[in-house]
């Protein structure tokens, strides 16, 4: 009888492949967190700005970022769509106010400064408008739906504190339409620091975009022109795969994959604060947000997500 011995790598691959929850992901060596929102929100909460014990001291851009919700994705025409796997997804929803952002955050720390990867299955939609004249004279052609122009942006970002106190944020934004309602359909990386409470107390004035010092501080990602599958009706939901790799020690993005498009991000510069943040050593936060440019809610739905590291 011939005995076949599996290597540790082969054994790990076999376990992952046999698990229907994990086999749809491509994790690094150590899985830190797997979030299936059928089981709850798993520590994803509303991002609230810093304050001194009084909520009226929270900066304006952080005052109303809305808490995430568990959702069965109910729509007026088909009932509950449900998640990609199971009944519930995490829903991040804006108010129907032009420029409004909703943001959810998961707060972690790292045992080592190493490559870290975030993966998720997601969908984005603008809320369906109903009735005659709902789209203000825009005409449906039976293919591209009018609701596509109501979808603004969504962003994946992080907040990282190194052991030496240095701090930086990587942020990648998909811009479906700009503030003028024009189609862009591409990925952008931020080019300036995120305003902080410390900067505000030092006399610097933050912009209305909490990610950057100025609202236009975003640059196109090389190879980042991506058309998402938004389908022909605002109540049709199609799930997309996203994989984002960051090198914590080097302080840079490495790679972004959205479905079959892979973007090399190693040459994308990431701004670092000029002063240390001594209370944030080992910080690793993941943030997801969505922004509307029109008077209609925008939604980011997450079926499930996985965070893994290579230490």
Protein backbone atom coordinates (compact mmCIF):
# COMPACT_ATOMS: atom_id res chain seq x y z
CA UNK A 1 0.00 0.00 0.00
CA UNK A 2 1.31 3.42 -0.95
CA UNK A 3 0.92 6.20 1.63
CA UNK A 4 0.66 9.78 0.37
CA UNK A 5 1.68 12.48 2.84
CA UNK A 6 0.30 15.96 2.29
CA UNK A 7 2.50 18.98 2.89
CA UNK A 8 1.17 21.65 5.31
CA UNK A 9 0.39 23.85 2.32
CA UNK A 10 -1.56 21.11 0.58
CA UNK A 11 -3.44 20.28 3.77
CA UNK A 12 -4.39 23.94 4.27
CA UNK A 13 -5.55 24.20 0.67
CA UNK A 14 -7.67 21.08 1.10
CA UNK A 15 -9.36 22.46 4.23
CA UNK A 16 -10.08 25.81 2.54
CA UNK A 17 -11.40 24.15 -0.61
CA UNK A 18 -13.72 21.91 1.39
CA UNK A 19 -15.30 24.83 3.27
CA UNK A 20 -18.00 26.50 1.11
CA UNK A 21 -17.71 29.70 3.16
CA UNK A 22 -13.94 30.10 2.80
CA UNK A 23 -13.34 28.54 -0.62
CA UNK A 24 -14.69 31.64 -2.40
CA UNK A 25 -11.89 33.71 -0.83
CA UNK A 26 -8.14 33.69 -1.42
CA UNK A 27 -6.71 34.42 2.06
CA UNK A 28 -3.13 34.91 3.14
CA UNK A 29 -1.57 32.46 5.58
CA UNK A 30 -3.39 33.60 8.75
CA UNK A 31 -7.13 34.37 8.77
CA UNK A 32 -7.80 37.16 11.27
CA UNK A 33 -11.51 37.65 10.75
CA UNK A 34 -14.28 36.06 8.70
CA UNK A 35 -17.58 37.94 8.81
CA UNK A 36 -20.77 36.31 7.59
CA UNK A 37 -23.51 38.80 8.32
CA UNK A 38 -26.09 36.07 8.80
CA UNK A 39 -24.51 35.88 12.26
CA UNK A 40 -24.55 39.60 13.10
CA UNK A 41 -22.40 42.64 12.38
CA UNK A 42 -19.17 41.12 13.78
CA UNK A 43 -17.84 44.39 15.19
CA UNK A 44 -18.63 46.62 12.20
CA UNK A 45 -19.96 49.89 13.63
CA UNK A 46 -20.65 53.46 12.61
CA UNK A 47 -17.57 55.67 12.37
CA UNK A 48 -17.91 58.52 14.84
CA UNK A 49 -15.37 61.31 15.11
CA UNK A 50 -13.33 62.09 18.22
CA UNK A 51 -14.84 64.21 20.97
CA UNK A 52 -14.10 65.41 24.49
CA UNK A 53 -17.12 63.73 26.06
CA UNK A 54 -19.56 66.10 24.37
CA UNK A 55 -21.04 64.88 21.08
CA UNK A 56 -21.45 68.46 19.87
CA UNK A 57 -17.64 68.67 19.67
CA UNK A 58 -17.53 66.05 16.88
CA UNK A 59 -16.32 67.57 13.60
CA UNK A 60 -19.11 68.21 11.10
CA UNK A 61 -17.91 65.67 8.52
CA UNK A 62 -17.99 62.91 11.18
CA UNK A 63 -21.31 63.75 12.85
CA UNK A 64 -23.72 61.70 10.74
CA UNK A 65 -22.04 58.72 9.07
CA UNK A 66 -24.97 56.39 9.90
CA UNK A 67 -24.68 52.95 11.54
CA UNK A 68 -24.54 49.76 9.43
CA UNK A 69 -27.61 47.55 9.38
CA UNK A 70 -28.39 43.90 8.80
CA UNK A 71 -30.55 43.70 5.69
CA UNK A 72 -32.42 41.10 3.65
CA UNK A 73 -32.25 43.57 0.73
CA UNK A 74 -36.00 44.27 0.45
CA UNK A 75 -37.20 45.97 -2.73
CA UNK A 76 -40.63 47.25 -3.72
CA UNK A 77 -41.02 44.97 -6.74
CA UNK A 78 -39.43 41.62 -5.83
CA UNK A 79 -39.64 41.51 -2.04
CA UNK A 80 -36.49 40.43 -0.18
CA UNK A 81 -33.57 39.70 -2.45
CA UNK A 82 -31.42 38.18 0.28
CA UNK A 83 -27.64 38.03 0.41
CA UNK A 84 -25.33 36.13 -1.95
CA UNK A 85 -25.07 33.41 0.68
CA UNK A 86 -27.75 33.23 3.36
CA UNK A 87 -30.42 35.72 4.27
CA UNK A 88 -28.59 38.81 5.54
CA UNK A 89 -25.99 41.25 4.26
CA UNK A 90 -24.49 44.31 5.90
CA UNK A 91 -26.08 47.46 4.49
CA UNK A 92 -24.38 50.86 4.58
CA UNK A 93 -26.89 53.50 3.49
CA UNK A 94 -26.62 57.25 2.96
CA UNK A 95 -29.32 59.77 3.61
CA UNK A 96 -31.09 61.10 0.46
CA UNK A 97 -28.99 64.26 0.64
CA UNK A 98 -26.43 65.30 -2.02
CA UNK A 99 -22.91 64.81 -0.67
CA UNK A 100 -23.90 62.65 2.28
CA UNK A 101 -21.52 59.82 3.26
CA UNK A 102 -22.28 56.72 5.33
CA UNK A 103 -19.30 54.84 6.79
CA UNK A 104 -18.78 51.61 8.71
CA UNK A 105 -15.56 50.59 10.46
CA UNK A 106 -14.01 47.45 11.96
CA UNK A 107 -11.33 48.14 14.59
CA UNK A 108 -8.37 45.75 14.98
CA UNK A 109 -4.73 45.73 16.02
CA UNK A 110 -1.94 43.73 14.44
CA UNK A 111 0.47 41.29 16.05
CA UNK A 112 3.06 42.04 13.36
CA UNK A 113 3.67 44.59 10.60
CA UNK A 114 3.09 42.33 7.62
CA UNK A 115 1.06 42.08 4.43
CA UNK A 116 -2.67 42.24 5.25
CA UNK A 117 -5.47 41.48 2.83
CA UNK A 118 -9.14 42.44 2.85
CA UNK A 119 -11.65 40.54 0.69
CA UNK A 120 -15.38 41.00 0.30
CA UNK A 121 -18.38 40.19 -1.87
CA UNK A 122 -20.30 43.41 -2.38
CA UNK A 123 -23.01 45.16 -4.35
CA UNK A 124 -23.75 48.88 -4.79
CA UNK A 125 -27.06 50.45 -5.71
CA UNK A 126 -28.97 53.71 -5.72
CA UNK A 127 -32.44 53.55 -4.21
CA UNK A 128 -35.16 53.03 -6.83
CA UNK A 129 -37.23 56.05 -7.74
CA UNK A 130 -40.87 55.30 -8.54
CA UNK A 131 -43.68 56.89 -10.51
CA UNK A 132 -44.00 59.12 -13.58
CA UNK A 133 -41.32 61.80 -13.77
CA UNK A 134 -39.23 60.18 -11.06
CA UNK A 135 -36.07 60.55 -13.15
CA UNK A 136 -36.77 64.14 -14.21
CA UNK A 137 -37.25 63.55 -17.90
CA UNK A 138 -34.43 61.08 -18.34
CA UNK A 139 -35.56 58.25 -20.62
CA UNK A 140 -35.00 54.54 -20.00
CA UNK A 141 -33.55 52.68 -23.02
CA UNK A 142 -34.25 49.15 -21.72
CA UNK A 143 -30.59 48.44 -21.05
CA UNK A 144 -28.66 51.00 -19.03
CA UNK A 145 -30.96 52.01 -16.19
CA UNK A 146 -31.47 55.63 -15.22
CA UNK A 147 -30.63 54.78 -11.60
CA UNK A 148 -26.98 54.26 -12.57
CA UNK A 149 -26.53 58.03 -12.72
CA UNK A 150 -27.82 58.26 -9.13
CA UNK A 151 -24.92 56.18 -7.78
CA UNK A 152 -22.01 58.30 -6.53
CA UNK A 153 -18.92 56.70 -4.97
CA UNK A 154 -17.82 54.03 -2.53
CA UNK A 155 -14.48 53.72 -0.76
CA UNK A 156 -12.36 51.05 0.93
CA UNK A 157 -9.77 52.45 3.32
CA UNK A 158 -7.76 51.72 6.43
CA UNK A 159 -6.14 53.47 9.38
CA UNK A 160 -2.73 52.08 10.36
CA UNK A 161 -0.49 52.91 13.32
CA UNK A 162 3.05 51.53 13.26
CA UNK A 163 4.96 50.51 16.42
CA UNK A 164 7.06 53.71 16.15
CA UNK A 165 3.91 55.87 16.31
CA UNK A 166 3.83 56.78 12.62
CA UNK A 167 0.35 56.74 11.10
CA UNK A 168 -1.12 56.61 7.61
CA UNK A 169 -4.35 55.83 5.75
CA UNK A 170 -4.61 53.95 2.46
CA UNK A 171 -7.84 54.85 0.64
CA UNK A 172 -9.19 53.61 -2.70
CA UNK A 173 -12.41 55.10 -4.06
CA UNK A 174 -14.60 53.90 -6.90
CA UNK A 175 -16.13 56.94 -8.60
CA UNK A 176 -19.22 55.97 -10.56
CA UNK A 177 -20.29 59.59 -11.04
CA UNK A 178 -18.70 62.84 -9.94
CA UNK A 179 -20.42 65.59 -7.98
CA UNK A 180 -21.83 67.00 -11.24
CA UNK A 181 -23.52 63.67 -12.02
CA UNK A 182 -21.16 62.81 -14.89
CA UNK A 183 -20.07 59.20 -15.35
CA UNK A 184 -16.44 58.46 -14.38
CA UNK A 185 -16.44 54.72 -13.59
CA UNK A 186 -12.94 54.31 -12.26
CA UNK A 187 -10.80 53.76 -9.17
CA UNK A 188 -8.96 56.62 -7.48
CA UNK A 189 -6.38 56.84 -4.66
CA UNK A 190 -6.20 59.71 -2.21
CA UNK A 191 -3.23 62.06 -2.43
CA UNK A 192 -3.39 63.96 0.87
CA UNK A 193 -3.71 63.28 4.57
CA UNK A 194 -7.01 62.59 6.27
CA UNK A 195 -7.90 65.54 8.54
CA UNK A 196 -7.69 64.59 12.21
CA UNK A 197 -8.81 66.10 15.50
CA UNK A 198 -5.17 66.88 16.31
CA UNK A 199 -4.82 68.82 13.05
CA UNK A 200 -8.03 70.72 13.82
CA UNK A 201 -6.85 71.65 17.32
CA UNK A 202 -3.56 72.79 15.78
CA UNK A 203 -5.54 75.28 13.67
CA UNK A 204 -5.82 73.46 10.34
CA UNK A 205 -9.23 73.56 8.63
CA UNK A 206 -10.47 70.19 7.31
CA UNK A 207 -12.49 69.85 4.12
CA UNK A 208 -15.97 68.40 3.74
CA UNK A 209 -14.46 65.08 2.64
CA UNK A 210 -13.20 63.35 5.76
CA UNK A 211 -10.69 61.30 3.72
CA UNK A 212 -8.62 64.22 2.37
CA UNK A 213 -7.51 67.77 3.10
CA UNK A 214 -9.26 68.97 -0.07
CA UNK A 215 -12.16 67.32 -1.86
CA UNK A 216 -10.23 66.99 -5.15
CA UNK A 217 -7.20 65.25 -3.59
CA UNK A 218 -7.75 62.02 -5.54
CA UNK A 219 -5.71 60.64 -8.47
CA UNK A 220 -6.68 57.89 -10.96
CA UNK A 221 -5.36 54.41 -10.19
CA UNK A 222 -3.35 52.96 -13.10
CA UNK A 223 -5.53 50.44 -14.91
CA UNK A 224 -8.46 51.43 -12.71
CA UNK A 225 -11.13 51.95 -15.38
CA UNK A 226 -13.73 49.37 -14.31
CA UNK A 227 -17.39 49.00 -15.30
CA UNK A 228 -19.38 47.31 -12.57
CA UNK A 229 -22.38 45.11 -13.27
CA UNK A 230 -25.19 47.43 -12.17
CA UNK A 231 -27.75 45.59 -14.31
CA UNK A 232 -30.84 47.06 -15.97
CA UNK A 233 -33.04 47.80 -12.93
CA UNK A 234 -32.15 49.37 -9.55
CA UNK A 235 -33.63 46.36 -7.73
CA UNK A 236 -31.45 43.77 -9.48
CA UNK A 237 -28.47 42.96 -7.26
CA UNK A 238 -25.31 41.35 -8.63
CA UNK A 239 -22.47 40.49 -6.26
CA UNK A 240 -18.88 41.51 -7.03
CA UNK A 241 -15.60 40.19 -5.63
CA UNK A 242 -12.97 42.59 -4.23
CA UNK A 243 -9.49 41.77 -2.90
CA UNK A 244 -7.21 44.49 -1.49
CA UNK A 245 -3.63 43.77 -0.40
CA UNK A 246 -1.64 46.21 1.79
CA UNK A 247 1.97 46.00 3.01
CA UNK A 248 1.78 47.44 6.54
CA UNK A 249 5.55 47.56 7.13
CA UNK A 250 6.25 49.31 3.81
CA UNK A 251 3.25 51.64 4.27
CA UNK A 252 1.76 51.12 0.84
CA UNK A 253 -1.01 49.55 -1.18
CA UNK A 254 0.12 46.50 -3.14
CA UNK A 255 -2.76 45.26 -5.25
CA UNK A 256 -6.49 45.72 -5.82
CA UNK A 257 -8.60 43.13 -7.59
CA UNK A 258 -12.23 43.72 -8.59
CA UNK A 259 -13.67 40.65 -10.29
CA UNK A 260 -11.25 39.92 -13.15
CA UNK A 261 -9.44 43.30 -13.06
CA UNK A 262 -6.17 43.40 -11.09
CA UNK A 263 -4.46 46.75 -10.41
CA UNK A 264 -0.80 47.04 -9.33
CA UNK A 265 -0.73 49.76 -6.63
CA UNK A 266 2.88 49.57 -5.45
CA UNK A 267 3.78 52.91 -7.07
CA UNK A 268 0.77 54.72 -5.55
CA UNK A 269 2.13 57.10 -2.90
CA UNK A 270 0.50 56.96 0.55
CA UNK A 271 0.81 60.15 2.68
CA UNK A 272 2.21 59.71 6.21
CA UNK A 273 1.56 62.13 9.06
CA UNK A 274 4.62 64.23 9.97
CA UNK A 275 4.12 63.67 13.73
CA UNK A 276 3.61 60.46 15.76
CA UNK A 277 0.28 59.24 17.14
CA UNK A 278 1.46 57.57 20.32
CA UNK A 279 -1.93 56.12 21.29
CA UNK A 280 -2.34 54.20 18.03
CA UNK A 281 0.56 51.71 18.03
CA UNK A 282 -0.46 48.55 16.19
CA UNK A 283 -3.73 50.09 14.98
CA UNK A 284 -5.36 48.46 11.97
CA UNK A 285 -8.85 49.62 11.10
CA UNK A 286 -10.80 48.77 7.94
CA UNK A 287 -13.42 51.26 6.71
CA UNK A 288 -16.14 51.03 4.06
CA UNK A 289 -18.17 54.03 2.95
CA UNK A 290 -20.62 55.08 0.26
CA UNK A 291 -21.54 58.59 -0.93
CA UNK A 292 -24.49 59.96 -2.87
CA UNK A 293 -24.33 63.00 -5.14
CA UNK A 294 -28.10 63.27 -5.60
CA UNK A 295 -31.24 63.46 -3.47
CA UNK A 296 -31.49 59.67 -3.35
CA UNK A 297 -30.04 57.09 -0.97
CA UNK A 298 -27.00 55.11 -2.07
CA UNK A 299 -26.35 51.62 -0.69
CA UNK A 300 -23.26 49.49 -0.24
CA UNK A 301 -24.18 45.88 0.57
CA UNK A 302 -21.58 43.39 1.85
CA UNK A 303 -22.48 39.70 1.80
CA UNK A 304 -19.37 38.58 3.65
CA UNK A 305 -15.76 39.63 4.11
CA UNK A 306 -12.45 38.19 5.24
CA UNK A 307 -9.29 39.77 6.66
CA UNK A 308 -6.05 37.79 6.53
CA UNK A 309 -2.36 38.41 7.25
CA UNK A 310 1.00 36.86 6.46
CA UNK A 311 2.94 36.55 9.70
